[in-house]
N, C-alpha and C. Protein backbone atom coordinates (compact mmCIF):
# COMPACT_ATOMS: atom_id res chain seq x y z
N MET A 1 12.32 -57.65 65.62
CA MET A 1 12.30 -57.21 64.25
C MET A 1 11.31 -56.08 64.05
N ILE A 2 10.09 -56.28 64.57
CA ILE A 2 9.07 -55.25 64.42
C ILE A 2 9.46 -54.03 65.23
N LYS A 3 10.06 -54.27 66.40
CA LYS A 3 10.49 -53.15 67.24
C LYS A 3 11.57 -52.34 66.51
N ALA A 4 12.48 -53.05 65.84
CA ALA A 4 13.53 -52.37 65.08
C ALA A 4 12.92 -51.56 63.94
N PHE A 5 11.90 -52.09 63.33
CA PHE A 5 11.24 -51.39 62.23
C PHE A 5 10.65 -50.07 62.73
N PHE A 6 9.94 -50.12 63.87
CA PHE A 6 9.33 -48.91 64.39
C PHE A 6 10.37 -47.93 64.91
N LEU A 7 11.49 -48.43 65.47
CA LEU A 7 12.57 -47.54 65.90
C LEU A 7 13.17 -46.81 64.71
N ASN A 8 13.33 -47.52 63.60
CA ASN A 8 13.85 -46.89 62.39
C ASN A 8 12.89 -45.82 61.88
N LEU A 9 11.60 -46.04 62.05
CA LEU A 9 10.63 -45.03 61.63
C LEU A 9 10.77 -43.77 62.48
N LYS A 10 10.97 -43.97 63.81
CA LYS A 10 11.11 -42.82 64.71
C LYS A 10 12.38 -42.03 64.40
N LYS A 11 13.47 -42.72 64.06
CA LYS A 11 14.74 -42.06 63.78
C LYS A 11 14.71 -41.35 62.44
N GLY A 12 13.75 -41.72 61.58
CA GLY A 12 13.67 -41.08 60.28
C GLY A 12 14.57 -41.73 59.25
N ASN A 13 15.05 -42.94 59.50
CA ASN A 13 15.90 -43.64 58.55
C ASN A 13 15.12 -43.93 57.28
N ASP A 14 15.80 -44.00 56.21
CA ASP A 14 15.19 -44.31 54.91
C ASP A 14 14.74 -45.77 54.90
N LEU A 15 13.45 -46.02 54.62
CA LEU A 15 12.92 -47.38 54.63
C LEU A 15 13.49 -48.22 53.49
N LEU A 16 13.86 -47.58 52.41
CA LEU A 16 14.41 -48.34 51.29
C LEU A 16 15.78 -48.92 51.62
N LEU A 17 16.52 -48.21 52.45
CA LEU A 17 17.82 -48.72 52.84
C LEU A 17 17.69 -49.83 53.88
N ASN A 18 16.59 -49.84 54.59
CA ASN A 18 16.37 -50.81 55.64
C ASN A 18 15.19 -51.71 55.24
N ALA A 19 15.30 -52.46 54.17
CA ALA A 19 14.19 -53.21 53.59
C ALA A 19 13.89 -54.49 54.35
N ARG A 20 14.84 -55.03 55.08
CA ARG A 20 14.60 -56.30 55.76
C ARG A 20 13.43 -56.23 56.74
N PRO A 21 13.33 -55.23 57.61
CA PRO A 21 12.18 -55.15 58.50
C PRO A 21 10.86 -54.99 57.72
N MET A 22 10.92 -54.28 56.62
CA MET A 22 9.71 -54.07 55.82
C MET A 22 9.24 -55.39 55.23
N LYS A 23 10.17 -56.19 54.72
CA LYS A 23 9.80 -57.51 54.17
C LYS A 23 9.22 -58.39 55.27
N THR A 24 9.84 -58.33 56.44
CA THR A 24 9.37 -59.14 57.56
C THR A 24 7.96 -58.72 57.96
N LEU A 25 7.71 -57.42 57.99
CA LEU A 25 6.38 -56.93 58.35
C LEU A 25 5.34 -57.39 57.32
N PHE A 26 5.66 -57.28 56.05
CA PHE A 26 4.72 -57.73 55.02
C PHE A 26 4.48 -59.24 55.11
N PHE A 27 5.53 -60.00 55.37
CA PHE A 27 5.39 -61.44 55.52
C PHE A 27 4.50 -61.77 56.71
N PHE A 28 4.72 -61.09 57.81
CA PHE A 28 3.93 -61.30 59.02
C PHE A 28 2.45 -60.96 58.79
N CYS A 29 2.19 -59.84 58.14
CA CYS A 29 0.80 -59.43 57.84
C CYS A 29 0.13 -60.42 56.89
N GLY A 30 0.87 -60.86 55.90
CA GLY A 30 0.33 -61.85 54.97
C GLY A 30 0.02 -63.16 55.67
N PHE A 31 0.90 -63.57 56.54
CA PHE A 31 0.72 -64.80 57.32
C PHE A 31 -0.54 -64.69 58.19
N LEU A 32 -0.69 -63.56 58.88
CA LEU A 32 -1.88 -63.34 59.71
C LEU A 32 -3.16 -63.35 58.87
N LEU A 33 -3.11 -62.68 57.75
CA LEU A 33 -4.28 -62.60 56.87
C LEU A 33 -4.66 -63.98 56.36
N LEU A 34 -3.67 -64.75 55.97
CA LEU A 34 -3.93 -66.09 55.45
C LEU A 34 -4.59 -66.98 56.50
N PHE A 35 -4.07 -66.98 57.70
CA PHE A 35 -4.63 -67.86 58.73
C PHE A 35 -5.92 -67.32 59.34
N SER A 36 -6.11 -66.02 59.32
CA SER A 36 -7.37 -65.49 59.85
C SER A 36 -8.52 -65.80 58.90
N CYS A 37 -8.25 -65.88 57.59
CA CYS A 37 -9.28 -66.23 56.62
C CYS A 37 -9.61 -67.72 56.65
N ALA A 38 -8.67 -68.51 57.10
CA ALA A 38 -8.87 -69.96 57.08
C ALA A 38 -9.70 -70.46 58.26
N GLU A 39 -9.78 -69.67 59.33
CA GLU A 39 -10.54 -70.16 60.48
C GLU A 39 -12.03 -70.04 60.22
N LYS A 40 -12.77 -70.94 60.83
CA LYS A 40 -14.22 -70.94 60.66
C LYS A 40 -14.82 -69.85 61.54
N VAL A 41 -15.65 -69.04 60.92
CA VAL A 41 -16.29 -67.96 61.64
C VAL A 41 -17.47 -68.51 62.44
N ILE A 42 -18.21 -69.43 61.81
CA ILE A 42 -19.39 -70.03 62.44
C ILE A 42 -19.20 -71.54 62.44
N GLU A 43 -19.48 -72.13 63.57
CA GLU A 43 -19.39 -73.59 63.66
C GLU A 43 -20.53 -74.24 62.89
N GLU A 44 -20.27 -75.42 62.36
CA GLU A 44 -21.28 -76.16 61.60
C GLU A 44 -22.43 -76.54 62.52
N PRO A 45 -23.68 -76.16 62.14
CA PRO A 45 -24.81 -76.53 63.00
C PRO A 45 -25.07 -78.03 62.99
N GLU A 46 -25.72 -78.52 64.04
CA GLU A 46 -26.01 -79.95 64.15
C GLU A 46 -26.89 -80.45 63.01
N ASN A 47 -27.89 -79.66 62.68
CA ASN A 47 -28.85 -80.07 61.66
C ASN A 47 -28.61 -79.34 60.34
N LEU A 48 -27.36 -79.30 59.92
CA LEU A 48 -26.98 -78.62 58.69
C LEU A 48 -27.66 -79.27 57.49
N ILE A 49 -28.26 -78.43 56.66
CA ILE A 49 -28.87 -78.91 55.42
C ILE A 49 -27.73 -79.21 54.45
N PRO A 50 -27.73 -80.39 53.81
CA PRO A 50 -26.65 -80.70 52.85
C PRO A 50 -26.58 -79.65 51.74
N LYS A 51 -25.38 -79.49 51.22
CA LYS A 51 -25.12 -78.43 50.23
C LYS A 51 -26.05 -78.54 49.02
N ASP A 52 -26.23 -79.75 48.47
CA ASP A 52 -27.06 -79.89 47.27
C ASP A 52 -28.53 -79.58 47.57
N LYS A 53 -29.01 -79.98 48.74
CA LYS A 53 -30.39 -79.68 49.12
C LYS A 53 -30.55 -78.18 49.36
N MET A 54 -29.56 -77.55 49.97
CA MET A 54 -29.60 -76.11 50.23
C MET A 54 -29.61 -75.35 48.91
N THR A 55 -28.85 -75.83 47.95
CA THR A 55 -28.84 -75.20 46.62
C THR A 55 -30.23 -75.29 45.99
N ASP A 56 -30.87 -76.45 46.11
CA ASP A 56 -32.23 -76.61 45.58
C ASP A 56 -33.20 -75.66 46.28
N ILE A 57 -33.07 -75.52 47.58
CA ILE A 57 -33.95 -74.62 48.34
C ILE A 57 -33.76 -73.18 47.88
N LEU A 58 -32.50 -72.76 47.75
CA LEU A 58 -32.22 -71.39 47.31
C LEU A 58 -32.68 -71.15 45.88
N TYR A 59 -32.60 -72.18 45.03
CA TYR A 59 -33.11 -72.08 43.66
C TYR A 59 -34.62 -71.85 43.68
N ASP A 60 -35.33 -72.68 44.43
CA ASP A 60 -36.78 -72.53 44.52
C ASP A 60 -37.15 -71.18 45.13
N LEU A 61 -36.39 -70.74 46.12
CA LEU A 61 -36.64 -69.45 46.75
C LEU A 61 -36.50 -68.32 45.73
N ALA A 62 -35.46 -68.36 44.92
CA ALA A 62 -35.26 -67.33 43.90
C ALA A 62 -36.40 -67.35 42.88
N LEU A 63 -36.78 -68.54 42.45
CA LEU A 63 -37.85 -68.70 41.47
C LEU A 63 -39.19 -68.20 42.04
N LEU A 64 -39.50 -68.60 43.26
CA LEU A 64 -40.76 -68.19 43.86
C LEU A 64 -40.80 -66.69 44.15
N ASN A 65 -39.70 -66.14 44.62
CA ASN A 65 -39.67 -64.70 44.88
C ASN A 65 -39.87 -63.89 43.60
N SER A 66 -39.28 -64.33 42.51
CA SER A 66 -39.47 -63.61 41.25
C SER A 66 -40.91 -63.77 40.75
N THR A 67 -41.49 -64.95 40.96
CA THR A 67 -42.87 -65.17 40.56
C THR A 67 -43.82 -64.32 41.39
N VAL A 68 -43.57 -64.22 42.68
CA VAL A 68 -44.41 -63.39 43.55
C VAL A 68 -44.32 -61.93 43.14
N SER A 69 -43.13 -61.48 42.78
CA SER A 69 -42.98 -60.08 42.40
C SER A 69 -43.73 -59.76 41.11
N VAL A 70 -43.93 -60.75 40.26
CA VAL A 70 -44.66 -60.54 39.01
C VAL A 70 -46.17 -60.65 39.23
N ASN A 71 -46.59 -61.63 40.04
CA ASN A 71 -48.02 -61.90 40.20
C ASN A 71 -48.38 -62.14 41.66
N ARG A 72 -48.23 -61.11 42.48
CA ARG A 72 -48.50 -61.21 43.91
C ARG A 72 -49.96 -61.57 44.19
N ALA A 73 -50.86 -61.05 43.39
CA ALA A 73 -52.30 -61.27 43.63
C ALA A 73 -52.66 -62.76 43.57
N ALA A 74 -52.06 -63.50 42.65
CA ALA A 74 -52.36 -64.94 42.53
C ALA A 74 -51.92 -65.69 43.79
N PHE A 75 -50.79 -65.31 44.36
CA PHE A 75 -50.31 -65.97 45.58
C PHE A 75 -51.20 -65.61 46.76
N GLU A 76 -51.58 -64.33 46.84
CA GLU A 76 -52.44 -63.89 47.94
C GLU A 76 -53.82 -64.53 47.84
N LYS A 77 -54.34 -64.64 46.62
CA LYS A 77 -55.67 -65.23 46.41
C LYS A 77 -55.70 -66.68 46.88
N ARG A 78 -54.62 -67.41 46.63
CA ARG A 78 -54.55 -68.82 47.02
C ARG A 78 -54.00 -69.03 48.43
N GLY A 79 -53.57 -67.93 49.06
CA GLY A 79 -53.04 -68.02 50.42
C GLY A 79 -51.70 -68.72 50.51
N VAL A 80 -50.89 -68.62 49.47
CA VAL A 80 -49.58 -69.28 49.44
C VAL A 80 -48.52 -68.29 49.93
N GLU A 81 -47.76 -68.73 50.93
CA GLU A 81 -46.61 -67.96 51.41
C GLU A 81 -45.35 -68.74 51.07
N VAL A 82 -44.36 -68.04 50.59
CA VAL A 82 -43.16 -68.69 50.03
C VAL A 82 -42.42 -69.53 51.06
N MET A 83 -42.03 -68.95 52.17
CA MET A 83 -41.18 -69.66 53.12
C MET A 83 -41.88 -70.86 53.76
N PRO A 84 -43.12 -70.73 54.24
CA PRO A 84 -43.79 -71.93 54.77
C PRO A 84 -43.92 -73.03 53.72
N TYR A 85 -44.15 -72.63 52.47
CA TYR A 85 -44.22 -73.63 51.39
C TYR A 85 -42.89 -74.38 51.26
N LEU A 86 -41.78 -73.64 51.28
CA LEU A 86 -40.46 -74.28 51.15
C LEU A 86 -40.14 -75.16 52.36
N TYR A 87 -40.51 -74.70 53.55
CA TYR A 87 -40.26 -75.52 54.74
C TYR A 87 -40.99 -76.85 54.64
N GLU A 88 -42.22 -76.80 54.15
CA GLU A 88 -43.00 -78.03 54.01
C GLU A 88 -42.45 -78.91 52.89
N LYS A 89 -42.12 -78.29 51.77
CA LYS A 89 -41.62 -79.06 50.62
C LYS A 89 -40.34 -79.81 50.95
N TYR A 90 -39.42 -79.16 51.65
CA TYR A 90 -38.12 -79.77 51.94
C TYR A 90 -38.04 -80.38 53.33
N ASN A 91 -39.15 -80.36 54.05
CA ASN A 91 -39.22 -80.97 55.38
C ASN A 91 -38.14 -80.41 56.32
N ILE A 92 -38.10 -79.08 56.40
CA ILE A 92 -37.17 -78.39 57.27
C ILE A 92 -37.95 -77.38 58.10
N ASP A 93 -37.29 -76.77 59.08
CA ASP A 93 -37.93 -75.69 59.82
C ASP A 93 -37.13 -74.40 59.62
N SER A 94 -37.70 -73.30 60.10
CA SER A 94 -37.08 -72.00 59.84
C SER A 94 -35.71 -71.88 60.51
N ILE A 95 -35.56 -72.43 61.70
CA ILE A 95 -34.27 -72.34 62.41
C ILE A 95 -33.20 -73.12 61.65
N GLN A 96 -33.57 -74.28 61.16
CA GLN A 96 -32.62 -75.10 60.40
C GLN A 96 -32.20 -74.37 59.13
N PHE A 97 -33.17 -73.74 58.45
CA PHE A 97 -32.85 -73.01 57.23
C PHE A 97 -31.93 -71.83 57.52
N VAL A 98 -32.29 -71.02 58.51
CA VAL A 98 -31.50 -69.83 58.83
C VAL A 98 -30.09 -70.20 59.28
N SER A 99 -29.97 -71.21 60.15
CA SER A 99 -28.63 -71.58 60.63
C SER A 99 -27.78 -72.17 59.51
N SER A 100 -28.39 -72.94 58.62
CA SER A 100 -27.64 -73.50 57.49
C SER A 100 -27.24 -72.40 56.51
N ASP A 101 -28.16 -71.48 56.25
CA ASP A 101 -27.86 -70.37 55.34
C ASP A 101 -26.73 -69.50 55.91
N LEU A 102 -26.79 -69.24 57.19
CA LEU A 102 -25.74 -68.45 57.85
C LEU A 102 -24.40 -69.17 57.79
N TYR A 103 -24.42 -70.48 58.01
CA TYR A 103 -23.18 -71.25 57.96
C TYR A 103 -22.56 -71.19 56.56
N TYR A 104 -23.37 -71.46 55.52
CA TYR A 104 -22.84 -71.44 54.16
C TYR A 104 -22.39 -70.03 53.76
N ALA A 105 -23.10 -69.01 54.24
CA ALA A 105 -22.71 -67.63 53.94
C ALA A 105 -21.39 -67.26 54.59
N SER A 106 -21.04 -67.95 55.68
CA SER A 106 -19.76 -67.67 56.35
C SER A 106 -18.57 -68.27 55.60
N ILE A 107 -18.87 -69.07 54.58
CA ILE A 107 -17.81 -69.64 53.73
C ILE A 107 -18.03 -69.06 52.33
N PRO A 108 -17.48 -67.89 52.06
CA PRO A 108 -17.82 -67.16 50.82
C PRO A 108 -17.59 -67.95 49.54
N LEU A 109 -16.52 -68.70 49.42
CA LEU A 109 -16.26 -69.43 48.17
C LEU A 109 -17.31 -70.52 47.94
N GLU A 110 -17.71 -71.19 49.00
CA GLU A 110 -18.72 -72.24 48.87
C GLU A 110 -20.09 -71.63 48.55
N TYR A 111 -20.40 -70.53 49.21
CA TYR A 111 -21.68 -69.85 48.98
C TYR A 111 -21.75 -69.31 47.55
N GLU A 112 -20.65 -68.77 47.08
CA GLU A 112 -20.59 -68.27 45.70
C GLU A 112 -20.77 -69.40 44.70
N ALA A 113 -20.17 -70.55 44.98
CA ALA A 113 -20.33 -71.71 44.10
C ALA A 113 -21.78 -72.15 44.05
N MET A 114 -22.46 -72.11 45.20
CA MET A 114 -23.88 -72.47 45.23
C MET A 114 -24.70 -71.51 44.38
N TYR A 115 -24.46 -70.23 44.53
CA TYR A 115 -25.22 -69.25 43.76
C TYR A 115 -24.85 -69.28 42.27
N THR A 116 -23.63 -69.62 41.95
CA THR A 116 -23.26 -69.79 40.54
C THR A 116 -24.04 -70.94 39.93
N ALA A 117 -24.17 -72.03 40.67
CA ALA A 117 -24.97 -73.18 40.19
C ALA A 117 -26.43 -72.79 40.02
N ILE A 118 -26.94 -71.97 40.93
CA ILE A 118 -28.33 -71.53 40.84
C ILE A 118 -28.53 -70.66 39.61
N VAL A 119 -27.63 -69.73 39.37
CA VAL A 119 -27.74 -68.85 38.20
C VAL A 119 -27.66 -69.66 36.91
N GLU A 120 -26.75 -70.63 36.86
CA GLU A 120 -26.64 -71.49 35.67
C GLU A 120 -27.93 -72.27 35.44
N ARG A 121 -28.51 -72.77 36.51
CA ARG A 121 -29.77 -73.53 36.41
C ARG A 121 -30.92 -72.64 35.93
N LEU A 122 -30.98 -71.42 36.46
CA LEU A 122 -32.02 -70.48 36.02
C LEU A 122 -31.83 -70.10 34.55
N GLN A 123 -30.57 -69.92 34.16
CA GLN A 123 -30.29 -69.56 32.76
C GLN A 123 -30.68 -70.70 31.83
N LYS A 124 -30.47 -71.94 32.26
CA LYS A 124 -30.86 -73.09 31.45
C LYS A 124 -32.38 -73.12 31.28
N GLU A 125 -33.11 -72.82 32.35
CA GLU A 125 -34.58 -72.75 32.27
C GLU A 125 -35.01 -71.68 31.27
N VAL A 126 -34.39 -70.52 31.34
CA VAL A 126 -34.73 -69.42 30.41
C VAL A 126 -34.44 -69.85 28.98
N ASP A 127 -33.29 -70.48 28.76
CA ASP A 127 -32.93 -70.94 27.41
C ASP A 127 -33.92 -71.98 26.90
N ASP A 128 -34.34 -72.92 27.76
CA ASP A 128 -35.31 -73.93 27.36
C ASP A 128 -36.64 -73.30 26.99
N ILE A 129 -37.08 -72.31 27.76
CA ILE A 129 -38.34 -71.63 27.47
C ILE A 129 -38.24 -70.87 26.14
N GLU A 130 -37.11 -70.21 25.92
CA GLU A 130 -36.91 -69.48 24.66
C GLU A 130 -36.89 -70.44 23.47
N ASP A 131 -36.25 -71.60 23.62
CA ASP A 131 -36.23 -72.59 22.54
C ASP A 131 -37.63 -73.10 22.24
N ALA A 132 -38.42 -73.37 23.27
CA ALA A 132 -39.79 -73.85 23.07
C ALA A 132 -40.63 -72.77 22.39
N ARG A 133 -40.46 -71.53 22.79
CA ARG A 133 -41.19 -70.42 22.17
C ARG A 133 -40.80 -70.27 20.70
N LYS A 134 -39.52 -70.41 20.42
CA LYS A 134 -39.04 -70.28 19.04
C LYS A 134 -39.60 -71.42 18.18
N GLN A 135 -39.59 -72.65 18.71
CA GLN A 135 -40.15 -73.78 17.95
C GLN A 135 -41.63 -73.59 17.69
N LYS A 136 -42.35 -73.08 18.66
CA LYS A 136 -43.78 -72.84 18.49
C LYS A 136 -44.01 -71.78 17.41
N ASN A 137 -43.25 -70.70 17.47
CA ASN A 137 -43.39 -69.64 16.46
C ASN A 137 -43.01 -70.15 15.07
N ASP A 138 -41.96 -70.96 14.99
CA ASP A 138 -41.54 -71.52 13.70
C ASP A 138 -42.63 -72.43 13.12
N SER A 139 -43.27 -73.23 13.96
CA SER A 139 -44.31 -74.14 13.48
C SER A 139 -45.54 -73.34 13.03
N ILE A 140 -45.83 -72.24 13.70
CA ILE A 140 -46.96 -71.40 13.28
C ILE A 140 -46.66 -70.79 11.92
N VAL A 141 -45.44 -70.30 11.74
CA VAL A 141 -45.06 -69.71 10.45
C VAL A 141 -45.12 -70.76 9.34
N LYS A 142 -44.62 -71.97 9.62
CA LYS A 142 -44.66 -73.04 8.61
C LYS A 142 -46.09 -73.38 8.24
N ASN A 143 -46.99 -73.44 9.21
CA ASN A 143 -48.39 -73.75 8.93
C ASN A 143 -49.04 -72.66 8.10
N LYS A 144 -48.69 -71.41 8.35
CA LYS A 144 -49.23 -70.31 7.55
C LYS A 144 -48.73 -70.40 6.12
N VAL A 145 -47.46 -70.73 5.95
CA VAL A 145 -46.89 -70.86 4.61
C VAL A 145 -47.55 -72.03 3.88
N LYS A 146 -47.76 -73.16 4.55
CA LYS A 146 -48.42 -74.31 3.93
C LYS A 146 -49.84 -73.96 3.52
N ALA A 147 -50.55 -73.26 4.39
CA ALA A 147 -51.93 -72.88 4.06
C ALA A 147 -51.95 -71.95 2.86
N LYS A 148 -51.02 -71.02 2.81
CA LYS A 148 -50.94 -70.08 1.69
C LYS A 148 -50.60 -70.83 0.41
N ASP A 149 -49.66 -71.78 0.48
CA ASP A 149 -49.28 -72.57 -0.69
C ASP A 149 -50.43 -73.43 -1.17
N SER A 150 -51.18 -74.03 -0.29
CA SER A 150 -52.28 -74.90 -0.69
C SER A 150 -53.40 -74.09 -1.34
N LEU A 151 -53.56 -72.85 -0.92
CA LEU A 151 -54.56 -71.99 -1.56
C LEU A 151 -54.11 -71.55 -2.95
N SER A 152 -52.83 -71.33 -3.10
CA SER A 152 -52.32 -70.87 -4.40
C SER A 152 -52.28 -72.00 -5.42
N LYS A 153 -52.28 -73.24 -5.00
CA LYS A 153 -52.23 -74.37 -5.93
C LYS A 153 -53.60 -74.69 -6.51
N GLN A 154 -54.66 -74.15 -5.95
CA GLN A 154 -55.99 -74.43 -6.49
C GLN A 154 -56.16 -73.70 -7.82
N PRO A 155 -56.94 -74.32 -8.73
CA PRO A 155 -57.14 -73.67 -10.03
C PRO A 155 -57.86 -72.34 -9.86
N LYS A 156 -57.50 -71.41 -10.75
CA LYS A 156 -58.08 -70.08 -10.68
C LYS A 156 -59.55 -70.12 -11.08
N GLU A 157 -59.82 -70.84 -12.15
CA GLU A 157 -61.21 -70.98 -12.59
C GLU A 157 -61.61 -72.41 -12.42
N LEU A 158 -62.75 -72.55 -11.97
CA LEU A 158 -63.26 -73.88 -11.79
C LEU A 158 -64.07 -74.26 -13.02
N LYS A 159 -63.63 -75.23 -13.76
CA LYS A 159 -64.34 -75.66 -14.98
C LYS A 159 -65.30 -76.76 -14.60
N ILE A 160 -66.52 -76.50 -14.88
CA ILE A 160 -67.55 -77.48 -14.58
C ILE A 160 -67.89 -78.17 -15.90
N PRO A 161 -67.74 -79.47 -15.93
CA PRO A 161 -68.06 -80.16 -17.19
C PRO A 161 -69.57 -80.09 -17.47
N ALA A 162 -69.86 -80.02 -18.74
CA ALA A 162 -71.27 -79.96 -19.17
C ALA A 162 -71.91 -81.30 -18.93
N PRO A 163 -73.18 -81.29 -18.56
CA PRO A 163 -73.84 -82.56 -18.33
C PRO A 163 -73.93 -83.37 -19.62
N SER A 164 -73.71 -84.62 -19.51
CA SER A 164 -73.73 -85.47 -20.71
C SER A 164 -75.19 -85.82 -21.04
N LYS A 165 -75.47 -85.83 -22.34
CA LYS A 165 -76.80 -86.14 -22.81
C LYS A 165 -76.83 -87.59 -23.21
N LYS A 166 -77.74 -88.31 -22.70
CA LYS A 166 -77.83 -89.73 -23.03
C LYS A 166 -79.13 -90.02 -23.63
């Protein structure tokens, strides 16, 4: 079939009139593409970090990296390094982390789902912080209004009663 398709190309035949080889070629390419995407590029490592734990590690990594970029001096002053801290916190080693990260990265849909969960979690943290800030600002405004109201309720002139004569 493919040979016939290429022979027709050499002869200069109109491809629209000879659509069967073209359909077969597209079907064959689609079939190859489908099965080549389904095969595993990287084998699962022996000490694979579970998906939920890996998501937690990547979340902490994103949070710590952004914190370091804002306040590097504080981390340097305390001698804190991000990756050794994460290895100790999650009881893993660098090889286990790298091999697990590489494995999950080789499965794009799963890796994307992990990062989507991380982004949603970070957004929830931002929303919670914004809500707390708003509540604090609202309570400050309410206290200022109460203080202003309590001052305005006091009498303008203070009348002191005359001492009684006995």
